[in-house]
Amino acid sequence: MKKPIARVLLGTAAALAVLIAAQAAHAQRRHSAPEAYDTRANPNYGFGPRARVRSDDVVSGDRVIGTDPDPFIRGEILRNYNSGRQR
């Protein structure tokens, strides 16, 4: 009598483990890139349409303020933007 109960419990535990693993894999696929306002579309007001942030974008807060492949230049753009200096 004890063998069938052990098999049922083992089968239930295996099915539960598969469900948990499947749920974790499904949750990872839904991850999307962060979004920010594209200020380059409307520079006078400092906001524009929502856009996905890419690796070359310069982001200040929730705004994309520029793009450059060189990390040094991205740092310069960010420092100049956050300094409050007039353009």
PDB file of N, CA and C in Angstrom:
ATOM      1  N   MET A   1       0.814  -1.199   0.000  1.00  0.00           N
ATOM      2  CA  MET A   1       0.000   0.000   0.000  1.00  0.00           C
ATOM      3  C   MET A   1       0.855   1.260   0.000  1.00  0.00           C
ATOM      4  N   LYS A   2       2.047   1.186   0.586  1.00  0.00           N
ATOM      5  CA  LYS A   2       2.888   2.360   0.674  1.00  0.00           C
ATOM      6  C   LYS A   2       3.550   2.690  -0.658  1.00  0.00           C
ATOM      7  N   LYS A   3       3.803   1.703  -1.505  1.00  0.00           N
ATOM      8  CA  LYS A   3       4.462   1.956  -2.787  1.00  0.00           C
ATOM      9  C   LYS A   3       3.628   2.850  -3.716  1.00  0.00           C
ATOM     10  N   PRO A   4       2.349   2.602  -3.909  1.00  0.00           N
ATOM     11  CA  PRO A   4       1.571   3.488  -4.791  1.00  0.00           C
ATOM     12  C   PRO A   4       1.501   4.926  -4.279  1.00  0.00           C
ATOM     13  N   ILE A   5       1.428   5.114  -2.967  1.00  0.00           N
ATOM     14  CA  ILE A   5       1.379   6.466  -2.411  1.00  0.00           C
ATOM     15  C   ILE A   5       2.694   7.183  -2.677  1.00  0.00           C
ATOM     16  N   ALA A   6       3.810   6.483  -2.526  1.00  0.00           N
ATOM     17  CA  ALA A   6       5.120   7.080  -2.793  1.00  0.00           C
ATOM     18  C   ALA A   6       5.253   7.454  -4.263  1.00  0.00           C
ATOM     19  N   ARG A   7       4.747   6.614  -5.147  1.00  0.00           N
ATOM     20  CA  ARG A   7       4.810   6.917  -6.587  1.00  0.00           C
ATOM     21  C   ARG A   7       3.954   8.139  -6.933  1.00  0.00           C
ATOM     22  N   VAL A   8       2.792   8.240  -6.324  1.00  0.00           N
ATOM     23  CA  VAL A   8       1.908   9.381  -6.568  1.00  0.00           C
ATOM     24  C   VAL A   8       2.567  10.663  -6.070  1.00  0.00           C
ATOM     25  N   LEU A   9       3.160  10.607  -4.879  1.00  0.00           N
ATOM     26  CA  LEU A   9       3.828  11.791  -4.337  1.00  0.00           C
ATOM     27  C   LEU A   9       5.028  12.183  -5.185  1.00  0.00           C
ATOM     28  N   LEU A  10       5.794  11.195  -5.634  1.00  0.00           N
ATOM     29  CA  LEU A  10       6.949  11.483  -6.479  1.00  0.00           C
ATOM     30  C   LEU A  10       6.509  12.076  -7.819  1.00  0.00           C
ATOM     31  N   GLY A  11       5.468  11.546  -8.395  1.00  0.00           N
ATOM     32  CA  GLY A  11       4.941  12.074  -9.660  1.00  0.00           C
ATOM     33  C   GLY A  11       4.406  13.493  -9.497  1.00  0.00           C
ATOM     34  N   THR A  12       3.732  13.768  -8.391  1.00  0.00           N
ATOM     35  CA  THR A  12       3.203  15.101  -8.119  1.00  0.00           C
ATOM     36  C   THR A  12       4.347  16.104  -7.927  1.00  0.00           C
ATOM     37  N   ALA A  13       5.381  15.701  -7.207  1.00  0.00           N
ATOM     38  CA  ALA A  13       6.527  16.585  -6.987  1.00  0.00           C
ATOM     39  C   ALA A  13       7.241  16.883  -8.306  1.00  0.00           C
ATOM     40  N   ALA A  14       7.383  15.883  -9.165  1.00  0.00           N
ATOM     41  CA  ALA A  14       8.025  16.093 -10.461  1.00  0.00           C
ATOM     42  C   ALA A  14       7.200  17.035 -11.340  1.00  0.00           C
ATOM     43  N   ALA A  15       5.889  16.843 -11.348  1.00  0.00           N
ATOM     44  CA  ALA A  15       5.024  17.715 -12.146  1.00  0.00           C
ATOM     45  C   ALA A  15       5.074  19.147 -11.631  1.00  0.00           C
ATOM     46  N   LEU A  16       5.114  19.320 -10.321  1.00  0.00           N
ATOM     47  CA  LEU A  16       5.204  20.659  -9.731  1.00  0.00           C
ATOM     48  C   LEU A  16       6.532  21.327 -10.101  1.00  0.00           C
ATOM     49  N   ALA A  17       7.612  20.575 -10.074  1.00  0.00           N
ATOM     50  CA  ALA A  17       8.919  21.128 -10.447  1.00  0.00           C
ATOM     51  C   ALA A  17       8.935  21.566 -11.909  1.00  0.00           C
ATOM     52  N   VAL A  18       8.312  20.787 -12.790  1.00  0.00           N
ATOM     53  CA  VAL A  18       8.241  21.151 -14.207  1.00  0.00           C
ATOM     54  C   VAL A  18       7.419  22.419 -14.393  1.00  0.00           C
ATOM     55  N   LEU A  19       6.315  22.550 -13.677  1.00  0.00           N
ATOM     56  CA  LEU A  19       5.488  23.752 -13.786  1.00  0.00           C
ATOM     57  C   LEU A  19       6.224  24.997 -13.304  1.00  0.00           C
ATOM     58  N   ILE A  20       6.962  24.880 -12.220  1.00  0.00           N
ATOM     59  CA  ILE A  20       7.717  26.020 -11.697  1.00  0.00           C
ATOM     60  C   ILE A  20       8.810  26.425 -12.674  1.00  0.00           C
ATOM     61  N   ALA A  21       9.509  25.454 -13.248  1.00  0.00           N
ATOM     62  CA  ALA A  21      10.566  25.757 -14.221  1.00  0.00           C
ATOM     63  C   ALA A  21       9.986  26.399 -15.474  1.00  0.00           C
ATOM     64  N   ALA A  22       8.847  25.931 -15.931  1.00  0.00           N
ATOM     65  CA  ALA A  22       8.217  26.503 -17.119  1.00  0.00           C
ATOM     66  C   ALA A  22       7.751  27.930 -16.864  1.00  0.00           C
ATOM     67  N   GLN A  23       7.240  28.191 -15.675  1.00  0.00           N
ATOM     68  CA  GLN A  23       6.790  29.537 -15.343  1.00  0.00           C
ATOM     69  C   GLN A  23       7.977  30.499 -15.290  1.00  0.00           C
ATOM     70  N   ALA A  24       9.104  30.067 -14.734  1.00  0.00           N
ATOM     71  CA  ALA A  24      10.293  30.919 -14.665  1.00  0.00           C
ATOM     72  C   ALA A  24      10.827  31.211 -16.065  1.00  0.00           C
ATOM     73  N   ALA A  25      10.831  30.221 -16.941  1.00  0.00           N
ATOM     74  CA  ALA A  25      11.309  30.431 -18.307  1.00  0.00           C
ATOM     75  C   ALA A  25      10.383  31.377 -19.066  1.00  0.00           C
ATOM     76  N   HIS A  26       9.096  31.261 -18.839  1.00  0.00           N
ATOM     77  CA  HIS A  26       8.139  32.141 -19.513  1.00  0.00           C
ATOM     78  C   HIS A  26       8.284  33.580 -19.034  1.00  0.00           C
ATOM     79  N   ALA A  27       8.547  33.775 -17.759  1.00  0.00           N
ATOM     80  CA  ALA A  27       8.694  35.124 -17.214  1.00  0.00           C
ATOM     81  C   ALA A  27       9.945  35.807 -17.774  1.00  0.00           C
ATOM     82  N   GLN A  28      10.989  35.084 -18.050  1.00  0.00           N
ATOM     83  CA  GLN A  28      12.209  35.679 -18.582  1.00  0.00           C
ATOM     84  C   GLN A  28      12.027  36.144 -20.022  1.00  0.00           C
ATOM     85  N   ARG A  29      11.208  35.492 -20.784  1.00  0.00           N
ATOM     86  CA  ARG A  29      11.016  35.881 -22.180  1.00  0.00           C
ATOM     87  C   ARG A  29      10.241  37.178 -22.331  1.00  0.00           C
ATOM     88  N   ARG A  30       9.465  37.555 -21.343  1.00  0.00           N
ATOM     89  CA  ARG A  30       8.647  38.760 -21.455  1.00  0.00           C
ATOM     90  C   ARG A  30       9.407  40.026 -21.096  1.00  0.00           C
ATOM     91  N   HIS A  31      10.667  39.909 -20.733  1.00  0.00           N
ATOM     92  CA  HIS A  31      11.455  41.086 -20.364  1.00  0.00           C
ATOM     93  C   HIS A  31      11.676  41.963 -21.599  1.00  0.00           C
ATOM     94  N   SER A  32      11.396  43.228 -21.475  1.00  0.00           N
ATOM     95  CA  SER A  32      11.588  44.135 -22.603  1.00  0.00           C
ATOM     96  C   SER A  32      12.601  45.212 -22.235  1.00  0.00           C
ATOM     97  N   ALA A  33      13.109  45.872 -23.243  1.00  0.00           N
ATOM     98  CA  ALA A  33      14.090  46.936 -23.033  1.00  0.00           C
ATOM     99  C   ALA A  33      13.411  48.135 -22.370  1.00  0.00           C
ATOM    100  N   PRO A  34      14.141  48.883 -21.556  1.00  0.00           N
ATOM    101  CA  PRO A  34      13.552  50.062 -20.925  1.00  0.00           C
ATOM    102  C   PRO A  34      13.199  51.124 -21.963  1.00  0.00           C
ATOM    103  N   GLU A  35      12.234  51.952 -21.627  1.00  0.00           N
ATOM    104  CA  GLU A  35      11.806  53.019 -22.521  1.00  0.00           C
ATOM    105  C   GLU A  35      12.075  54.370 -21.883  1.00  0.00           C
ATOM    106  N   ALA A  36      12.266  55.361 -22.733  1.00  0.00           N
ATOM    107  CA  ALA A  36      12.476  56.733 -22.269  1.00  0.00           C
ATOM    108  C   ALA A  36      11.908  57.675 -23.321  1.00  0.00           C
ATOM    109  N   TYR A  37      11.733  58.944 -22.948  1.00  0.00           N
ATOM    110  CA  TYR A  37      11.265  59.950 -23.906  1.00  0.00           C
ATOM    111  C   TYR A  37      12.407  60.329 -24.834  1.00  0.00           C
ATOM    112  N   ASP A  38      12.135  60.358 -26.118  1.00  0.00           N
ATOM    113  CA  ASP A  38      13.144  60.740 -27.109  1.00  0.00           C
ATOM    114  C   ASP A  38      13.110  62.259 -27.265  1.00  0.00           C
ATOM    115  N   THR A  39      13.966  62.971 -26.542  1.00  0.00           N
ATOM    116  CA  THR A  39      13.951  64.431 -26.556  1.00  0.00           C
ATOM    117  C   THR A  39      14.474  64.998 -27.858  1.00  0.00           C
ATOM    118  N   ARG A  40      15.152  64.187 -28.655  1.00  0.00           N
ATOM    119  CA  ARG A  40      15.666  64.687 -29.934  1.00  0.00           C
ATOM    120  C   ARG A  40      14.527  64.976 -30.907  1.00  0.00           C
ATOM    121  N   ALA A  41      13.368  64.377 -30.700  1.00  0.00           N
ATOM    122  CA  ALA A  41      12.227  64.618 -31.582  1.00  0.00           C
ATOM    123  C   ALA A  41      11.596  65.977 -31.335  1.00  0.00           C
ATOM    124  N   ASN A  42      11.719  66.494 -30.112  1.00  0.00           N
ATOM    125  CA  ASN A  42      11.113  67.770 -29.757  1.00  0.00           C
ATOM    126  C   ASN A  42      12.020  68.481 -28.755  1.00  0.00           C
ATOM    127  N   PRO A  43      13.171  69.005 -29.190  1.00  0.00           N
ATOM    128  CA  PRO A  43      14.154  69.543 -28.242  1.00  0.00           C
ATOM    129  C   PRO A  43      13.708  70.805 -27.506  1.00  0.00           C
ATOM    130  N   ASN A  44      12.767  71.563 -28.039  1.00  0.00           N
ATOM    131  CA  ASN A  44      12.329  72.787 -27.376  1.00  0.00           C
ATOM    132  C   ASN A  44      11.574  72.513 -26.080  1.00  0.00           C
ATOM    133  N   TYR A  45      10.877  71.391 -26.014  1.00  0.00           N
ATOM    134  CA  TYR A  45      10.086  71.067 -24.829  1.00  0.00           C
ATOM    135  C   TYR A  45      10.720  70.000 -23.954  1.00  0.00           C
ATOM    136  N   GLY A  46      11.750  69.305 -24.451  1.00  0.00           N
ATOM    137  CA  GLY A  46      12.462  68.322 -23.649  1.00  0.00           C
ATOM    138  C   GLY A  46      11.787  66.976 -23.522  1.00  0.00           C
ATOM    139  N   PHE A  47      10.786  66.707 -24.335  1.00  0.00           N
ATOM    140  CA  PHE A  47      10.196  65.380 -24.346  1.00  0.00           C
ATOM    141  C   PHE A  47       9.684  65.092 -25.744  1.00  0.00           C
ATOM    142  N   GLY A  48       9.471  63.833 -26.012  1.00  0.00           N
ATOM    143  CA  GLY A  48       8.992  63.399 -27.322  1.00  0.00           C
ATOM    144  C   GLY A  48       8.319  62.047 -27.166  1.00  0.00           C
ATOM    145  N   PRO A  49       8.257  61.290 -28.232  1.00  0.00           N
ATOM    146  CA  PRO A  49       7.617  59.972 -28.138  1.00  0.00           C
ATOM    147  C   PRO A  49       8.462  59.007 -27.303  1.00  0.00           C
ATOM    148  N   ARG A  50       7.807  57.988 -26.744  1.00  0.00           N
ATOM    149  CA  ARG A  50       8.520  56.958 -25.996  1.00  0.00           C
ATOM    150  C   ARG A  50       9.300  56.100 -26.985  1.00  0.00           C
ATOM    151  N   ALA A  51      10.534  55.766 -26.637  1.00  0.00           N
ATOM    152  CA  ALA A  51      11.385  54.949 -27.493  1.00  0.00           C
ATOM    153  C   ALA A  51      12.174  53.981 -26.620  1.00  0.00           C
ATOM    154  N   ARG A  52      12.536  52.852 -27.191  1.00  0.00           N
ATOM    155  CA  ARG A  52      13.368  51.898 -26.463  1.00  0.00           C
ATOM    156  C   ARG A  52      14.782  52.431 -26.359  1.00  0.00           C
ATOM    157  N   VAL A  53      15.382  52.244 -25.207  1.00  0.00           N
ATOM    158  CA  VAL A  53      16.753  52.698 -24.967  1.00  0.00           C
ATOM    159  C   VAL A  53      17.708  51.660 -25.550  1.00  0.00           C
ATOM    160  N   ARG A  54      18.631  52.124 -26.390  1.00  0.00           N
ATOM    161  CA  ARG A  54      19.638  51.250 -26.995  1.00  0.00           C
ATOM    162  C   ARG A  54      20.965  51.469 -26.279  1.00  0.00           C
ATOM    163  N   SER A  55      21.936  50.640 -26.597  1.00  0.00           N
ATOM    164  CA  SER A  55      23.227  50.699 -25.897  1.00  0.00           C
ATOM    165  C   SER A  55      24.005  51.976 -26.221  1.00  0.00           C
ATOM    166  N   ASP A  56      23.785  52.587 -27.376  1.00  0.00           N
ATOM    167  CA  ASP A  56      24.510  53.803 -27.755  1.00  0.00           C
ATOM    168  C   ASP A  56      23.809  55.088 -27.319  1.00  0.00           C
ATOM    169  N   ASP A  57      22.654  54.993 -26.695  1.00  0.00           N
ATOM    170  CA  ASP A  57      21.900  56.179 -26.308  1.00  0.00           C
ATOM    171  C   ASP A  57      22.456  56.802 -25.029  1.00  0.00           C
ATOM    172  N   VAL A  58      22.333  58.121 -24.947  1.00  0.00           N
ATOM    173  CA  VAL A  58      22.694  58.867 -23.741  1.00  0.00           C
ATOM    174  C   VAL A  58      21.379  59.195 -23.043  1.00  0.00           C
ATOM    175  N   VAL A  59      21.243  58.730 -21.794  1.00  0.00           N
ATOM    176  CA  VAL A  59      19.987  58.870 -21.064  1.00  0.00           C
ATOM    177  C   VAL A  59      20.222  59.695 -19.808  1.00  0.00           C
ATOM    178  N   SER A  60      19.367  60.698 -19.603  1.00  0.00           N
ATOM    179  CA  SER A  60      19.370  61.489 -18.384  1.00  0.00           C
ATOM    180  C   SER A  60      17.974  61.395 -17.786  1.00  0.00           C
ATOM    181  N   GLY A  61      17.869  60.701 -16.675  1.00  0.00           N
ATOM    182  CA  GLY A  61      16.554  60.476 -16.067  1.00  0.00           C
ATOM    183  C   GLY A  61      15.740  59.539 -16.938  1.00  0.00           C
ATOM    184  N   ASP A  62      14.616  60.027 -17.444  1.00  0.00           N
ATOM    185  CA  ASP A  62      13.789  59.223 -18.342  1.00  0.00           C
ATOM    186  C   ASP A  62      13.776  59.814 -19.745  1.00  0.00           C
ATOM    187  N   ARG A  63      14.872  60.471 -20.143  1.00  0.00           N
ATOM    188  CA  ARG A  63      14.959  61.122 -21.452  1.00  0.00           C
ATOM    189  C   ARG A  63      16.207  60.691 -22.205  1.00  0.00           C
ATOM    190  N   VAL A  64      16.026  60.361 -23.477  1.00  0.00           N
ATOM    191  CA  VAL A  64      17.156  60.082 -24.360  1.00  0.00           C
ATOM    192  C   VAL A  64      17.584  61.422 -24.937  1.00  0.00           C
ATOM    193  N   ILE A  65      18.821  61.839 -24.651  1.00  0.00           N
ATOM    194  CA  ILE A  65      19.256  63.178 -25.068  1.00  0.00           C
ATOM    195  C   ILE A  65      20.258  63.144 -26.210  1.00  0.00           C
ATOM    196  N   GLY A  66      20.766  61.974 -26.565  1.00  0.00           N
ATOM    197  CA  GLY A  66      21.723  61.889 -27.656  1.00  0.00           C
ATOM    198  C   GLY A  66      22.131  60.452 -27.904  1.00  0.00           C
ATOM    199  N   THR A  67      22.958  60.264 -28.937  1.00  0.00           N
ATOM    200  CA  THR A  67      23.440  58.943 -29.306  1.00  0.00           C
ATOM    201  C   THR A  67      24.856  59.060 -29.826  1.00  0.00           C
ATOM    202  N   ASP A  68      25.728  58.154 -29.386  1.00  0.00           N
ATOM    203  CA  ASP A  68      27.082  58.089 -29.921  1.00  0.00           C
ATOM    204  C   ASP A  68      27.667  56.733 -29.561  1.00  0.00           C
ATOM    205  N   PRO A  69      28.415  56.106 -30.467  1.00  0.00           N
ATOM    206  CA  PRO A  69      28.997  54.799 -30.158  1.00  0.00           C
ATOM    207  C   PRO A  69      30.177  54.870 -29.184  1.00  0.00           C
ATOM    208  N   ASP A  70      30.814  56.036 -29.042  1.00  0.00           N
ATOM    209  CA  ASP A  70      31.988  56.186 -28.182  1.00  0.00           C
ATOM    210  C   ASP A  70      31.557  56.503 -26.746  1.00  0.00           C
ATOM    211  N   PRO A  71      31.951  55.677 -25.763  1.00  0.00           N
ATOM    212  CA  PRO A  71      31.516  55.930 -24.384  1.00  0.00           C
ATOM    213  C   PRO A  71      32.039  57.251 -23.820  1.00  0.00           C
ATOM    214  N   PHE A  72      33.221  57.698 -24.246  1.00  0.00           N
ATOM    215  CA  PHE A  72      33.742  58.982 -23.771  1.00  0.00           C
ATOM    216  C   PHE A  72      32.855  60.136 -24.237  1.00  0.00           C
ATOM    217  N   ILE A  73      32.445  60.091 -25.493  1.00  0.00           N
ATOM    218  CA  ILE A  73      31.575  61.140 -26.039  1.00  0.00           C
ATOM    219  C   ILE A  73      30.211  61.100 -25.359  1.00  0.00           C
ATOM    220  N   ARG A  74      29.690  59.899 -25.089  1.00  0.00           N
ATOM    221  CA  ARG A  74      28.410  59.806 -24.365  1.00  0.00           C
ATOM    222  C   ARG A  74      28.517  60.453 -22.992  1.00  0.00           C
ATOM    223  N   GLY A  75      29.638  60.267 -22.320  1.00  0.00           N
ATOM    224  CA  GLY A  75      29.849  60.912 -21.022  1.00  0.00           C
ATOM    225  C   GLY A  75      29.902  62.421 -21.143  1.00  0.00           C
ATOM    226  N   GLU A  76      30.555  62.926 -22.189  1.00  0.00           N
ATOM    227  CA  GLU A  76      30.620  64.368 -22.419  1.00  0.00           C
ATOM    228  C   GLU A  76      29.229  64.948 -22.683  1.00  0.00           C
ATOM    229  N   ILE A  77      28.444  64.257 -23.503  1.00  0.00           N
ATOM    230  CA  ILE A  77      27.085  64.722 -23.795  1.00  0.00           C
ATOM    231  C   ILE A  77      26.280  64.794 -22.499  1.00  0.00           C
ATOM    232  N   LEU A  78      26.387  63.767 -21.673  1.00  0.00           N
ATOM    233  CA  LEU A  78      25.639  63.735 -20.417  1.00  0.00           C
ATOM    234  C   LEU A  78      26.103  64.831 -19.465  1.00  0.00           C
ATOM    235  N   ARG A  79      27.413  65.047 -19.357  1.00  0.00           N
ATOM    236  CA  ARG A  79      27.926  66.107 -18.465  1.00  0.00           C
ATOM    237  C   ARG A  79      27.461  67.481 -18.933  1.00  0.00           C
ATOM    238  N   ASN A  80      27.519  67.738 -20.236  1.00  0.00           N
ATOM    239  CA  ASN A  80      27.080  69.035 -20.750  1.00  0.00           C
ATOM    240  C   ASN A  80      25.581  69.244 -20.560  1.00  0.00           C
ATOM    241  N   TYR A  81      24.800  68.205 -20.739  1.00  0.00           N
ATOM    242  CA  TYR A  81      23.354  68.313 -20.587  1.00  0.00           C
ATOM    243  C   TYR A  81      22.965  68.579 -19.132  1.00  0.00           C
ATOM    244  N   ASN A  82      23.617  67.869 -18.202  1.00  0.00           N
ATOM    245  CA  ASN A  82      23.272  68.012 -16.784  1.00  0.00           C
ATOM    246  C   ASN A  82      23.908  69.224 -16.116  1.00  0.00           C
ATOM    247  N   SER A  83      24.792  69.927 -16.822  1.00  0.00           N
ATOM    248  CA  SER A  83      25.468  71.081 -16.214  1.00  0.00           C
ATOM    249  C   SER A  83      24.566  72.324 -16.179  1.00  0.00           C
ATOM    250  N   GLY A  84      23.520  72.340 -16.974  1.00  0.00           N
ATOM    251  CA  GLY A  84      22.644  73.496 -17.020  1.00  0.00           C
ATOM    252  C   GLY A  84      23.153  74.594 -17.940  1.00  0.00           C
ATOM    253  N   ARG A  85      24.235  74.325 -18.625  1.00  0.00           N
ATOM    254  CA  ARG A  85      24.826  75.293 -19.550  1.00  0.00           C
ATOM    255  C   ARG A  85      23.928  75.479 -20.772  1.00  0.00           C
ATOM    256  N   GLN A  86      23.818  76.699 -21.235  1.00  0.00           N
ATOM    257  CA  GLN A  86      23.000  76.982 -22.421  1.00  0.00           C
ATOM    258  C   GLN A  86      23.694  76.427 -23.656  1.00  0.00           C
ATOM    259  N   ARG A  87      22.935  75.917 -24.573  1.00  0.00           N
ATOM    260  CA  ARG A  87      23.482  75.357 -25.814  1.00  0.00           C
ATOM    261  C   ARG A  87      23.613  76.390 -26.877  1.00  0.00           C
TER     262      ARG A  87
END
